[in-house]
Amino acid sequence: MKFSVIIPLYNKEAEIGRALRSVLAQTLPPAEIIVVDDGSTDGGAAVVEKMGSPLVKLIRQPNAGVSSARNRGMGEATGEAFALLDADDDWRPEFLESVAALVDRYPTAGLWCTGFDIARGQRLTPGRTPSARGVVDDFFAASMGRFVATASSSVLSRDVVAEVGGFPEGMAIGEDQYMWTKVALARPVVFTPERLAVIHATASNRSAAIYTPETTAYSFLDFYGPASNNPALNEYIARIGLGKAIPASVRGGTEEGRRAERDFAYNRRSRRLWWRLWLLDRLPRACRPAINGAYNLLAWLFLRKGY
C-alpha cells in the first residue's frame, strides 16, 4: 500500500514543522507528503520548503478553504490511499504502519481510522473513541457519542474518493463529517483504538475559532431519509447540523440558526443541543458569545467534555 499524506496549510507557521517531522519519522515511510498551501499569509510555506526532504511536495493555491486544499492534494497524489493530517496535529511513529495492517486485514474498507489523544499544552487526554478493533457495525450510531473518524487520524482509499467524490468545498464547519457520511454509506469503516494521532486543541487558528458564513451547495440534509430506513443516520446528521449552527448563531447568524432549528427539530438524541441553539437565537446578539462561552466552560468543568 502506497500512502500519500495530504496536509492542508493555512497560517500554521508555528505548527507545520512539527506535523511534517512526525510524518518523516514514521516506521513505514509514505510514498509522498503533499502540503497544499491555501493562500497563507504567514511563513508556513517557507517552513515546508526548508524541510529538505524529497518526499515533501508543496503546492500553492489562492485561499479556497480546507476542503478545496484537501481535494487538490488528493487530485495531485499518486498513492493508493490518502492519509489525512491537519497542519497543527501530528502522528506517533507507528501510525502508517498500524493503518497498513488494517488495510491488509480489511482491504475493501473505504476509511481506516485510529484512536487519538487531545493535547492542551503539555496535557494529553484520550479522545472519546470506540474500544473495539475492526469494522464499525453502525458508523452513525457509534459516532453519536464517540469519535470514530477525525481529519488527523483517518486514511481514505483512493477508490472510495473516486466513487463518492471529495470534500464539500465551501463548507466552513462539518466538512469532515460530511465526507465520512458519504464514505460510510458506500463502504465499511474500520477502526483501531490505538492512540496514534495527537490533536492539538489549543493550536492557533482552529477552524471553529475562525468560523465565517458558508457559501456552499452542500447540506447535511442531503443525507436525510425516512427514519425507518436509518434512524441512526438521521440522528447523526441532526447532531452535526445543530453543532454547525451554534457558532453561526453566536456570531449573529440568527436566520441560519432558526433554519437549523426547523430542519433538525425531529431529533430525539440531541435535544440539549437543540435547546441551546433555540436559546442563543433568541438572545441579543451582543450577549451570545459570553453566554456560549459560559456554557462551554461549565460543560468542561462538570462533564469533562471540552473537545
C-alpha atoms as a PDB file:
ATOM      1  CA  MET A   1       0.000   0.000   0.000  1.00  0.00           C
ATOM      2  CA  LYS A   2       1.393   3.368  -1.053  1.00  0.00           C
ATOM      3  CA  PHE A   3       0.266   6.166   1.259  1.00  0.00           C
ATOM      4  CA  SER A   4       0.044   9.768   0.100  1.00  0.00           C
ATOM      5  CA  VAL A   5      -0.076  12.118   3.082  1.00  0.00           C
ATOM      6  CA  ILE A   6      -2.326  15.141   2.469  1.00  0.00           C
ATOM      7  CA  ILE A   7      -1.780  18.246   4.632  1.00  0.00           C
ATOM      8  CA  PRO A   8      -3.802  21.446   4.051  1.00  0.00           C
ATOM      9  CA  LEU A   9      -1.915  24.504   5.250  1.00  0.00           C
ATOM     10  CA  TYR A  10      -3.342  27.882   6.164  1.00  0.00           C
ATOM     11  CA  ASN A  11      -1.401  30.179   8.514  1.00  0.00           C
ATOM     12  CA  LYS A  12       0.130  27.419  10.655  1.00  0.00           C
ATOM     13  CA  GLU A  13       3.745  28.583  10.627  1.00  0.00           C
ATOM     14  CA  ALA A  14       4.211  27.612  14.272  1.00  0.00           C
ATOM     15  CA  GLU A  15       2.895  24.062  13.865  1.00  0.00           C
ATOM     16  CA  ILE A  16       3.565  22.773  10.337  1.00  0.00           C
ATOM     17  CA  GLY A  17       7.159  21.780  11.110  1.00  0.00           C
ATOM     18  CA  ARG A  18       6.032  19.524  13.954  1.00  0.00           C
ATOM     19  CA  ALA A  19       3.421  17.868  11.724  1.00  0.00           C
ATOM     20  CA  LEU A  20       5.947  17.197   8.946  1.00  0.00           C
ATOM     21  CA  ARG A  21       8.582  15.843  11.333  1.00  0.00           C
ATOM     22  CA  SER A  22       6.038  13.364  12.691  1.00  0.00           C
ATOM     23  CA  VAL A  23       5.352  12.084   9.164  1.00  0.00           C
ATOM     24  CA  LEU A  24       9.039  11.830   8.279  1.00  0.00           C
ATOM     25  CA  ALA A  25       9.599   9.826  11.484  1.00  0.00           C
ATOM     26  CA  GLN A  26       7.092   7.093  10.509  1.00  0.00           C
ATOM     27  CA  THR A  27       8.287   3.498  10.841  1.00  0.00           C
ATOM     28  CA  LEU A  28       6.572   2.912   7.490  1.00  0.00           C
ATOM     29  CA  PRO A  29       7.514   5.868   5.273  1.00  0.00           C
ATOM     30  CA  PRO A  30       4.840   7.322   2.969  1.00  0.00           C
ATOM     31  CA  ALA A  31       5.249   7.478  -0.787  1.00  0.00           C
ATOM     32  CA  GLU A  32       4.883  11.272  -0.658  1.00  0.00           C
ATOM     33  CA  ILE A  33       3.814  14.154   1.563  1.00  0.00           C
ATOM     34  CA  ILE A  34       1.693  16.740  -0.241  1.00  0.00           C
ATOM     35  CA  VAL A  35       1.262  20.085   1.515  1.00  0.00           C
ATOM     36  CA  VAL A  36      -1.299  22.397  -0.089  1.00  0.00           C
ATOM     37  CA  ASP A  37      -0.705  25.991   0.969  1.00  0.00           C
ATOM     38  CA  ASP A  38      -4.184  27.505   0.786  1.00  0.00           C
ATOM     39  CA  GLY A  39      -3.231  31.157   0.395  1.00  0.00           C
ATOM     40  CA  SER A  40      -1.376  31.523   3.703  1.00  0.00           C
ATOM     41  CA  THR A  41      -0.209  34.989   4.705  1.00  0.00           C
ATOM     42  CA  ASP A  42       2.442  33.851   7.222  1.00  0.00           C
ATOM     43  CA  GLY A  43       5.716  31.949   6.796  1.00  0.00           C
ATOM     44  CA  GLY A  44       4.279  28.433   6.872  1.00  0.00           C
ATOM     45  CA  ALA A  45       5.163  27.666   3.256  1.00  0.00           C
ATOM     46  CA  ALA A  46       8.771  28.687   3.895  1.00  0.00           C
ATOM     47  CA  VAL A  47       8.944  26.193   6.765  1.00  0.00           C
ATOM     48  CA  VAL A  48       7.778  23.470   4.375  1.00  0.00           C
ATOM     49  CA  GLU A  49      10.381  24.437   1.782  1.00  0.00           C
ATOM     50  CA  LYS A  50      13.151  24.221   4.380  1.00  0.00           C
ATOM     51  CA  MET A  51      12.337  20.633   5.407  1.00  0.00           C
ATOM     52  CA  GLY A  52      14.802  19.329   2.839  1.00  0.00           C
ATOM     53  CA  SER A  53      13.066  16.005   2.194  1.00  0.00           C
ATOM     54  CA  PRO A  54      12.408  14.736  -1.340  1.00  0.00           C
ATOM     55  CA  LEU A  55       9.139  13.255  -0.038  1.00  0.00           C
ATOM     56  CA  VAL A  56       7.673  16.693   0.683  1.00  0.00           C
ATOM     57  CA  LYS A  57       5.846  18.419  -2.175  1.00  0.00           C
ATOM     58  CA  LEU A  58       4.470  21.945  -1.738  1.00  0.00           C
ATOM     59  CA  ILE A  59       1.511  23.118  -3.822  1.00  0.00           C
ATOM     60  CA  ARG A  60       0.329  26.724  -3.624  1.00  0.00           C
ATOM     61  CA  GLN A  61      -3.181  27.954  -4.408  1.00  0.00           C
ATOM     62  CA  PRO A  62      -5.298  31.039  -3.672  1.00  0.00           C
ATOM     63  CA  ASN A  63      -7.315  30.699  -0.479  1.00  0.00           C
ATOM     64  CA  ALA A  64     -10.331  28.481  -1.162  1.00  0.00           C
ATOM     65  CA  GLY A  65     -10.851  26.613   2.115  1.00  0.00           C
ATOM     66  CA  VAL A  66      -9.723  23.371   3.676  1.00  0.00           C
ATOM     67  CA  SER A  67     -11.951  21.139   1.520  1.00  0.00           C
ATOM     68  CA  SER A  68     -10.529  22.633  -1.643  1.00  0.00           C
ATOM     69  CA  ALA A  69      -6.984  22.156  -0.332  1.00  0.00           C
ATOM     70  CA  ARG A  70      -7.605  18.505   0.538  1.00  0.00           C
ATOM     71  CA  ASN A  71      -9.256  17.845  -2.807  1.00  0.00           C
ATOM     72  CA  ARG A  72      -6.344  19.494  -4.616  1.00  0.00           C
ATOM     73  CA  GLY A  73      -3.887  17.361  -2.677  1.00  0.00           C
ATOM     74  CA  MET A  74      -5.752  14.134  -3.397  1.00  0.00           C
ATOM     75  CA  GLY A  75      -6.009  15.094  -7.043  1.00  0.00           C
ATOM     76  CA  GLU A  76      -2.235  15.514  -7.268  1.00  0.00           C
ATOM     77  CA  ALA A  77      -1.429  12.368  -5.233  1.00  0.00           C
ATOM     78  CA  THR A  78      -0.111   9.117  -6.691  1.00  0.00           C
ATOM     79  CA  GLY A  79      -0.750   6.807  -3.725  1.00  0.00           C
ATOM     80  CA  GLU A  80      -3.407   4.132  -3.313  1.00  0.00           C
ATOM     81  CA  ALA A  81      -4.630   5.709  -0.072  1.00  0.00           C
ATOM     82  CA  PHE A  82      -4.814   9.254   1.272  1.00  0.00           C
ATOM     83  CA  ALA A  83      -3.604   9.711   4.856  1.00  0.00           C
ATOM     84  CA  LEU A  84      -5.061  12.973   6.168  1.00  0.00           C
ATOM     85  CA  LEU A  85      -3.253  15.207   8.641  1.00  0.00           C
ATOM     86  CA  ASP A  86      -4.051  18.762   9.704  1.00  0.00           C
ATOM     87  CA  ALA A  87      -1.074  21.097   9.808  1.00  0.00           C
ATOM     88  CA  ASP A  88      -1.374  21.673  13.573  1.00  0.00           C
ATOM     89  CA  ASP A  89      -1.600  17.999  14.557  1.00  0.00           C
ATOM     90  CA  ASP A  90       0.889  15.126  14.455  1.00  0.00           C
ATOM     91  CA  TRP A  91       1.241  11.344  14.409  1.00  0.00           C
ATOM     92  CA  ARG A  92       3.057   8.855  16.555  1.00  0.00           C
ATOM     93  CA  PRO A  93       5.735   6.916  14.634  1.00  0.00           C
ATOM     94  CA  GLU A  94       3.613   3.775  14.178  1.00  0.00           C
ATOM     95  CA  PHE A  95       0.592   5.488  12.636  1.00  0.00           C
ATOM     96  CA  LEU A  96       1.082   4.458   8.998  1.00  0.00           C
ATOM     97  CA  GLU A  97       2.414   1.011   9.896  1.00  0.00           C
ATOM     98  CA  SER A  98      -0.669   0.301  12.005  1.00  0.00           C
ATOM     99  CA  VAL A  99      -3.025   1.567   9.312  1.00  0.00           C
ATOM    100  CA  ALA A 100      -1.235  -0.627   6.758  1.00  0.00           C
ATOM    101  CA  ALA A 101      -2.040  -3.637   8.958  1.00  0.00           C
ATOM    102  CA  LEU A 102      -5.701  -2.589   8.971  1.00  0.00           C
ATOM    103  CA  VAL A 103      -5.652  -2.262   5.185  1.00  0.00           C
ATOM    104  CA  ASP A 104      -4.164  -5.750   4.836  1.00  0.00           C
ATOM    105  CA  ARG A 105      -6.909  -7.230   7.012  1.00  0.00           C
ATOM    106  CA  TYR A 106      -9.816  -5.122   5.690  1.00  0.00           C
ATOM    107  CA  PRO A 107      -8.879  -4.243   2.095  1.00  0.00           C
ATOM    108  CA  THR A 108     -12.426  -3.429   0.922  1.00  0.00           C
ATOM    109  CA  ALA A 109     -12.995  -0.681   3.515  1.00  0.00           C
ATOM    110  CA  GLY A 110     -13.233   2.935   2.409  1.00  0.00           C
ATOM    111  CA  LEU A 111     -11.955   4.522   5.621  1.00  0.00           C
ATOM    112  CA  TRP A 112      -9.422   3.297   8.191  1.00  0.00           C
ATOM    113  CA  CYS A 113      -9.204   5.215  11.493  1.00  0.00           C
ATOM    114  CA  THR A 114      -7.195   5.169  14.719  1.00  0.00           C
ATOM    115  CA  GLY A 115      -7.628   6.462  18.232  1.00  0.00           C
ATOM    116  CA  PHE A 116      -6.043   9.760  19.254  1.00  0.00           C
ATOM    117  CA  ASP A 117      -5.020  11.931  22.160  1.00  0.00           C
ATOM    118  CA  ILE A 118      -6.092  15.541  22.657  1.00  0.00           C
ATOM    119  CA  ALA A 119      -3.258  17.871  23.623  1.00  0.00           C
ATOM    120  CA  ARG A 120      -3.837  21.052  25.589  1.00  0.00           C
ATOM    121  CA  GLY A 121      -0.346  22.346  26.083  1.00  0.00           C
ATOM    122  CA  GLN A 122       1.603  19.502  27.697  1.00  0.00           C
ATOM    123  CA  ARG A 123      -1.533  17.746  28.946  1.00  0.00           C
ATOM    124  CA  LEU A 124      -2.762  14.737  26.945  1.00  0.00           C
ATOM    125  CA  THR A 125      -6.303  13.396  27.258  1.00  0.00           C
ATOM    126  CA  PRO A 126      -7.502  10.273  25.411  1.00  0.00           C
ATOM    127  CA  GLY A 127     -10.101  11.062  22.761  1.00  0.00           C
ATOM    128  CA  ARG A 128     -13.575   9.636  23.220  1.00  0.00           C
ATOM    129  CA  THR A 129     -13.397   6.762  20.770  1.00  0.00           C
ATOM    130  CA  PRO A 130     -14.751   3.206  20.416  1.00  0.00           C
ATOM    131  CA  SER A 131     -12.846   0.484  22.274  1.00  0.00           C
ATOM    132  CA  ALA A 132     -13.211  -2.337  19.722  1.00  0.00           C
ATOM    133  CA  ARG A 133     -10.904  -3.004  16.779  1.00  0.00           C
ATOM    134  CA  GLY A 134     -12.311  -3.916  13.379  1.00  0.00           C
ATOM    135  CA  VAL A 135     -15.265  -2.990  11.196  1.00  0.00           C
ATOM    136  CA  VAL A 136     -17.590  -0.480  12.866  1.00  0.00           C
ATOM    137  CA  ASP A 137     -21.029  -2.097  12.815  1.00  0.00           C
ATOM    138  CA  ASP A 138     -23.007   1.146  12.564  1.00  0.00           C
ATOM    139  CA  PHE A 139     -20.804   4.173  11.938  1.00  0.00           C
ATOM    140  CA  PHE A 140     -23.601   6.668  12.621  1.00  0.00           C
ATOM    141  CA  ALA A 141     -24.724   5.126  15.906  1.00  0.00           C
ATOM    142  CA  ALA A 142     -21.097   4.752  17.031  1.00  0.00           C
ATOM    143  CA  SER A 143     -20.339   8.387  16.163  1.00  0.00           C
ATOM    144  CA  MET A 144     -23.145   9.843  18.277  1.00  0.00           C
ATOM    145  CA  GLY A 145     -21.116   9.678  21.492  1.00  0.00           C
ATOM    146  CA  ARG A 146     -17.649   8.828  20.209  1.00  0.00           C
ATOM    147  CA  PHE A 147     -15.176   9.995  17.576  1.00  0.00           C
ATOM    148  CA  VAL A 148     -14.685   7.214  15.063  1.00  0.00           C
ATOM    149  CA  ALA A 149     -13.005   9.410  12.448  1.00  0.00           C
ATOM    150  CA  THR A 150     -11.161  12.722  12.635  1.00  0.00           C
ATOM    151  CA  ALA A 151      -9.229  14.523   9.918  1.00  0.00           C
ATOM    152  CA  SER A 152      -5.857  13.714  11.523  1.00  0.00           C
ATOM    153  CA  SER A 153      -6.474  10.071  12.394  1.00  0.00           C
ATOM    154  CA  SER A 154      -8.093   8.781   9.192  1.00  0.00           C
ATOM    155  CA  VAL A 155      -6.985   7.304   5.871  1.00  0.00           C
ATOM    156  CA  LEU A 156      -9.223   7.238   2.773  1.00  0.00           C
ATOM    157  CA  SER A 157      -8.908   4.749  -0.052  1.00  0.00           C
ATOM    158  CA  ARG A 158      -8.361   6.259  -3.480  1.00  0.00           C
ATOM    159  CA  ASP A 159     -11.162   4.058  -4.814  1.00  0.00           C
ATOM    160  CA  VAL A 160     -13.780   5.384  -2.407  1.00  0.00           C
ATOM    161  CA  VAL A 161     -12.880   9.003  -3.174  1.00  0.00           C
ATOM    162  CA  ALA A 162     -13.297   8.258  -6.870  1.00  0.00           C
ATOM    163  CA  GLU A 163     -16.656   6.655  -6.052  1.00  0.00           C
ATOM    164  CA  VAL A 164     -18.228   9.257  -3.731  1.00  0.00           C
ATOM    165  CA  GLY A 165     -16.301  12.418  -4.571  1.00  0.00           C
ATOM    166  CA  GLY A 166     -14.180  14.681  -2.418  1.00  0.00           C
ATOM    167  CA  PHE A 167     -14.716  17.022   0.497  1.00  0.00           C
ATOM    168  CA  PRO A 168     -17.573  19.578   0.250  1.00  0.00           C
ATOM    169  CA  GLU A 169     -15.987  22.808  -0.917  1.00  0.00           C
ATOM    170  CA  GLY A 170     -17.341  25.968   0.673  1.00  0.00           C
ATOM    171  CA  MET A 171     -18.469  24.242   3.877  1.00  0.00           C
ATOM    172  CA  ALA A 172     -16.924  26.037   6.864  1.00  0.00           C
ATOM    173  CA  ILE A 173     -17.651  23.566   9.681  1.00  0.00           C
ATOM    174  CA  GLY A 174     -18.504  19.879   9.456  1.00  0.00           C
ATOM    175  CA  GLU A 175     -16.794  19.220   6.113  1.00  0.00           C
ATOM    176  CA  ASP A 176     -15.024  16.207   7.619  1.00  0.00           C
ATOM    177  CA  GLN A 177     -18.261  14.667   8.882  1.00  0.00           C
ATOM    178  CA  TYR A 178     -19.885  15.276   5.516  1.00  0.00           C
ATOM    179  CA  MET A 179     -17.102  13.248   3.878  1.00  0.00           C
ATOM    180  CA  TRP A 180     -17.266  10.462   6.470  1.00  0.00           C
ATOM    181  CA  THR A 181     -21.028  10.216   5.922  1.00  0.00           C
ATOM    182  CA  LYS A 182     -20.608   9.738   2.173  1.00  0.00           C
ATOM    183  CA  VAL A 183     -17.946   7.091   2.702  1.00  0.00           C
ATOM    184  CA  ALA A 184     -19.813   5.217   5.461  1.00  0.00           C
ATOM    185  CA  LEU A 185     -22.885   4.959   3.237  1.00  0.00           C
ATOM    186  CA  ALA A 186     -20.751   3.382   0.493  1.00  0.00           C
ATOM    187  CA  ARG A 187     -18.107   1.244   2.213  1.00  0.00           C
ATOM    188  CA  PRO A 188     -17.174  -0.320   5.573  1.00  0.00           C
ATOM    189  CA  VAL A 189     -15.342   1.860   8.091  1.00  0.00           C
ATOM    190  CA  VAL A 190     -12.555   0.230  10.128  1.00  0.00           C
ATOM    191  CA  PHE A 191     -11.228   1.444  13.479  1.00  0.00           C
ATOM    192  CA  THR A 192      -8.388   0.616  15.859  1.00  0.00           C
ATOM    193  CA  PRO A 193      -8.345   2.087  19.395  1.00  0.00           C
ATOM    194  CA  GLU A 194      -4.564   2.568  19.369  1.00  0.00           C
ATOM    195  CA  ARG A 195      -3.980   6.269  20.071  1.00  0.00           C
ATOM    196  CA  LEU A 196      -1.660   7.045  17.185  1.00  0.00           C
ATOM    197  CA  ALA A 197      -2.543  10.685  16.438  1.00  0.00           C
ATOM    198  CA  VAL A 198      -2.296  13.809  18.582  1.00  0.00           C
ATOM    199  CA  ILE A 199      -4.853  16.575  18.039  1.00  0.00           C
ATOM    200  CA  HIS A 200      -3.755  19.927  19.419  1.00  0.00           C
ATOM    201  CA  ALA A 201      -6.900  21.620  20.694  1.00  0.00           C
ATOM    202  CA  THR A 202      -5.027  24.774  21.720  1.00  0.00           C
ATOM    203  CA  ALA A 203      -3.165  25.236  18.430  1.00  0.00           C
ATOM    204  CA  SER A 204      -3.538  28.543  16.625  1.00  0.00           C
ATOM    205  CA  ASN A 205      -6.202  29.135  14.010  1.00  0.00           C
ATOM    206  CA  ARG A 206      -8.531  26.200  14.778  1.00  0.00           C
ATOM    207  CA  SER A 207     -11.432  26.148  12.324  1.00  0.00           C
ATOM    208  CA  ALA A 208     -14.128  26.539  14.990  1.00  0.00           C
ATOM    209  CA  ALA A 209     -12.468  29.759  16.145  1.00  0.00           C
ATOM    210  CA  ILE A 210     -12.438  31.374  12.697  1.00  0.00           C
ATOM    211  CA  TYR A 211     -15.918  30.478  11.512  1.00  0.00           C
ATOM    212  CA  THR A 212     -17.181  32.504   8.558  1.00  0.00           C
ATOM    213  CA  PRO A 213     -20.582  32.272   6.835  1.00  0.00           C
ATOM    214  CA  GLU A 214     -20.776  29.380   4.410  1.00  0.00           C
ATOM    215  CA  THR A 215     -21.137  29.666   0.666  1.00  0.00           C
ATOM    216  CA  THR A 216     -21.763  26.079  -0.358  1.00  0.00           C
ATOM    217  CA  ALA A 217     -24.321  23.986  -2.165  1.00  0.00           C
ATOM    218  CA  TYR A 218     -23.809  21.124   0.293  1.00  0.00           C
ATOM    219  CA  SER A 219     -26.049  20.414   3.282  1.00  0.00           C
ATOM    220  CA  PHE A 220     -26.344  17.559   5.748  1.00  0.00           C
ATOM    221  CA  LEU A 221     -29.987  17.372   4.714  1.00  0.00           C
ATOM    222  CA  ASP A 222     -28.591  15.787   1.536  1.00  0.00           C
ATOM    223  CA  PHE A 223     -28.469  12.560   3.572  1.00  0.00           C
ATOM    224  CA  TYR A 224     -31.830  12.784   5.338  1.00  0.00           C
ATOM    225  CA  GLY A 225     -34.267   9.963   4.704  1.00  0.00           C
ATOM    226  CA  PRO A 226     -37.332   8.364   6.297  1.00  0.00           C
ATOM    227  CA  ALA A 227     -36.496   7.390   9.861  1.00  0.00           C
ATOM    228  CA  SER A 228     -37.465   3.791   9.217  1.00  0.00           C
ATOM    229  CA  ASN A 229     -34.578   3.458   6.749  1.00  0.00           C
ATOM    230  CA  ASN A 230     -31.729   4.503   9.021  1.00  0.00           C
ATOM    231  CA  PRO A 231     -32.726   6.314  12.224  1.00  0.00           C
ATOM    232  CA  ALA A 232     -29.112   6.470  13.430  1.00  0.00           C
ATOM    233  CA  LEU A 233     -28.106   8.344  10.275  1.00  0.00           C
ATOM    234  CA  ASN A 234     -30.872  10.917  10.759  1.00  0.00           C
ATOM    235  CA  GLU A 235     -29.890  11.457  14.403  1.00  0.00           C
ATOM    236  CA  TYR A 236     -26.247  11.803  13.388  1.00  0.00           C
ATOM    237  CA  ILE A 237     -26.888  14.445  10.749  1.00  0.00           C
ATOM    238  CA  ALA A 238     -29.136  16.358  13.180  1.00  0.00           C
ATOM    239  CA  ARG A 239     -26.333  16.398  15.750  1.00  0.00           C
ATOM    240  CA  ILE A 240     -23.823  17.667  13.210  1.00  0.00           C
ATOM    241  CA  GLY A 241     -26.260  20.198  11.747  1.00  0.00           C
ATOM    242  CA  LEU A 242     -27.088  21.651  15.155  1.00  0.00           C
ATOM    243  CA  GLY A 243     -23.410  21.736  16.065  1.00  0.00           C
ATOM    244  CA  LYS A 244     -22.684  23.714  12.895  1.00  0.00           C
ATOM    245  CA  ALA A 245     -25.499  26.187  13.564  1.00  0.00           C
ATOM    246  CA  ILE A 246     -24.405  27.120  17.094  1.00  0.00           C
ATOM    247  CA  PRO A 247     -21.212  29.032  16.118  1.00  0.00           C
ATOM    248  CA  ALA A 248     -23.187  30.695  13.323  1.00  0.00           C
ATOM    249  CA  SER A 249     -25.792  31.872  15.831  1.00  0.00           C
ATOM    250  CA  VAL A 250     -23.105  33.039  18.270  1.00  0.00           C
ATOM    251  CA  ARG A 251     -21.726  35.291  15.540  1.00  0.00           C
ATOM    252  CA  GLY A 252     -25.116  36.755  14.791  1.00  0.00           C
ATOM    253  CA  GLY A 253     -26.426  34.251  12.254  1.00  0.00           C
ATOM    254  CA  THR A 254     -29.949  34.143  13.643  1.00  0.00           C
ATOM    255  CA  GLU A 255     -31.518  33.182  10.332  1.00  0.00           C
ATOM    256  CA  GLU A 256     -29.122  30.268   9.887  1.00  0.00           C
ATOM    257  CA  GLY A 257     -29.724  29.173  13.468  1.00  0.00           C
ATOM    258  CA  ARG A 258     -33.513  29.239  13.167  1.00  0.00           C
ATOM    259  CA  ARG A 259     -33.347  27.339   9.902  1.00  0.00           C
ATOM    260  CA  ALA A 260     -31.398  24.605  11.702  1.00  0.00           C
ATOM    261  CA  GLU A 261     -33.990  24.641  14.496  1.00  0.00           C
ATOM    262  CA  ARG A 262     -36.667  23.823  11.923  1.00  0.00           C
ATOM    263  CA  ASP A 263     -34.616  21.391   9.851  1.00  0.00           C
ATOM    264  CA  PHE A 264     -33.478  19.269  12.786  1.00  0.00           C
ATOM    265  CA  ALA A 265     -36.419  19.592  15.172  1.00  0.00           C
ATOM    266  CA  TYR A 266     -37.143  15.892  14.562  1.00  0.00           C
ATOM    267  CA  ASN A 267     -34.110  14.764  16.616  1.00  0.00           C
ATOM    268  CA  ARG A 268     -34.517  12.762  19.817  1.00  0.00           C
ATOM    269  CA  ARG A 269     -30.897  12.282  20.933  1.00  0.00           C
ATOM    270  CA  SER A 270     -29.584  15.853  20.656  1.00  0.00           C
ATOM    271  CA  ARG A 271     -32.267  17.788  22.481  1.00  0.00           C
ATOM    272  CA  ARG A 272     -29.741  19.630  24.655  1.00  0.00           C
ATOM    273  CA  LEU A 273     -28.050  20.974  21.518  1.00  0.00           C
ATOM    274  CA  TRP A 274     -31.405  21.957  20.031  1.00  0.00           C
ATOM    275  CA  TRP A 275     -32.476  23.891  23.138  1.00  0.00           C
ATOM    276  CA  ARG A 276     -29.065  25.545  23.378  1.00  0.00           C
ATOM    277  CA  LEU A 277     -29.429  26.770  19.797  1.00  0.00           C
ATOM    278  CA  TRP A 278     -33.048  27.839  20.460  1.00  0.00           C
ATOM    279  CA  LEU A 279     -31.902  29.970  23.413  1.00  0.00           C
ATOM    280  CA  LEU A 280     -28.978  31.552  21.557  1.00  0.00           C
ATOM    281  CA  ASP A 281     -31.188  32.506  18.624  1.00  0.00           C
ATOM    282  CA  ARG A 282     -33.449  34.465  20.962  1.00  0.00           C
ATOM    283  CA  LEU A 283     -30.779  36.322  22.918  1.00  0.00           C
ATOM    284  CA  PRO A 284     -29.474  39.755  21.888  1.00  0.00           C
ATOM    285  CA  ARG A 285     -26.578  39.186  19.521  1.00  0.00           C
ATOM    286  CA  ALA A 286     -24.124  41.034  21.760  1.00  0.00           C
ATOM    287  CA  CYS A 287     -24.793  38.578  24.615  1.00  0.00           C
ATOM    288  CA  ARG A 288     -24.388  35.353  22.666  1.00  0.00           C
ATOM    289  CA  PRO A 289     -20.576  34.931  22.764  1.00  0.00           C
ATOM    290  CA  ALA A 290     -20.458  35.347  26.553  1.00  0.00           C
ATOM    291  CA  ILE A 291     -23.394  33.005  27.179  1.00  0.00           C
ATOM    292  CA  ASN A 292     -21.989  30.373  24.832  1.00  0.00           C
ATOM    293  CA  GLY A 293     -18.533  30.677  26.402  1.00  0.00           C
ATOM    294  CA  ALA A 294     -20.002  30.211  29.866  1.00  0.00           C
ATOM    295  CA  TYR A 295     -21.870  27.125  28.676  1.00  0.00           C
ATOM    296  CA  ASN A 296     -18.669  25.634  27.239  1.00  0.00           C
ATOM    297  CA  LEU A 297     -16.771  26.304  30.454  1.00  0.00           C
ATOM    298  CA  LEU A 298     -19.470  24.661  32.564  1.00  0.00           C
ATOM    299  CA  ALA A 299     -19.563  21.680  30.210  1.00  0.00           C
ATOM    300  CA  TRP A 300     -15.817  21.253  30.566  1.00  0.00           C
ATOM    301  CA  LEU A 301     -15.863  21.646  34.345  1.00  0.00           C
ATOM    302  CA  PHE A 302     -18.787  19.359  35.070  1.00  0.00           C
ATOM    303  CA  LEU A 303     -18.814  16.903  32.186  1.00  0.00           C
ATOM    304  CA  ARG A 304     -15.121  16.909  31.198  1.00  0.00           C
ATOM    305  CA  LYS A 305     -16.184  17.228  27.556  1.00  0.00           C
ATOM    306  CA  GLY A 306     -14.068  20.142  26.450  1.00  0.00           C
ATOM    307  CA  TYR A 307     -13.304  18.845  22.924  1.00  0.00           C
END
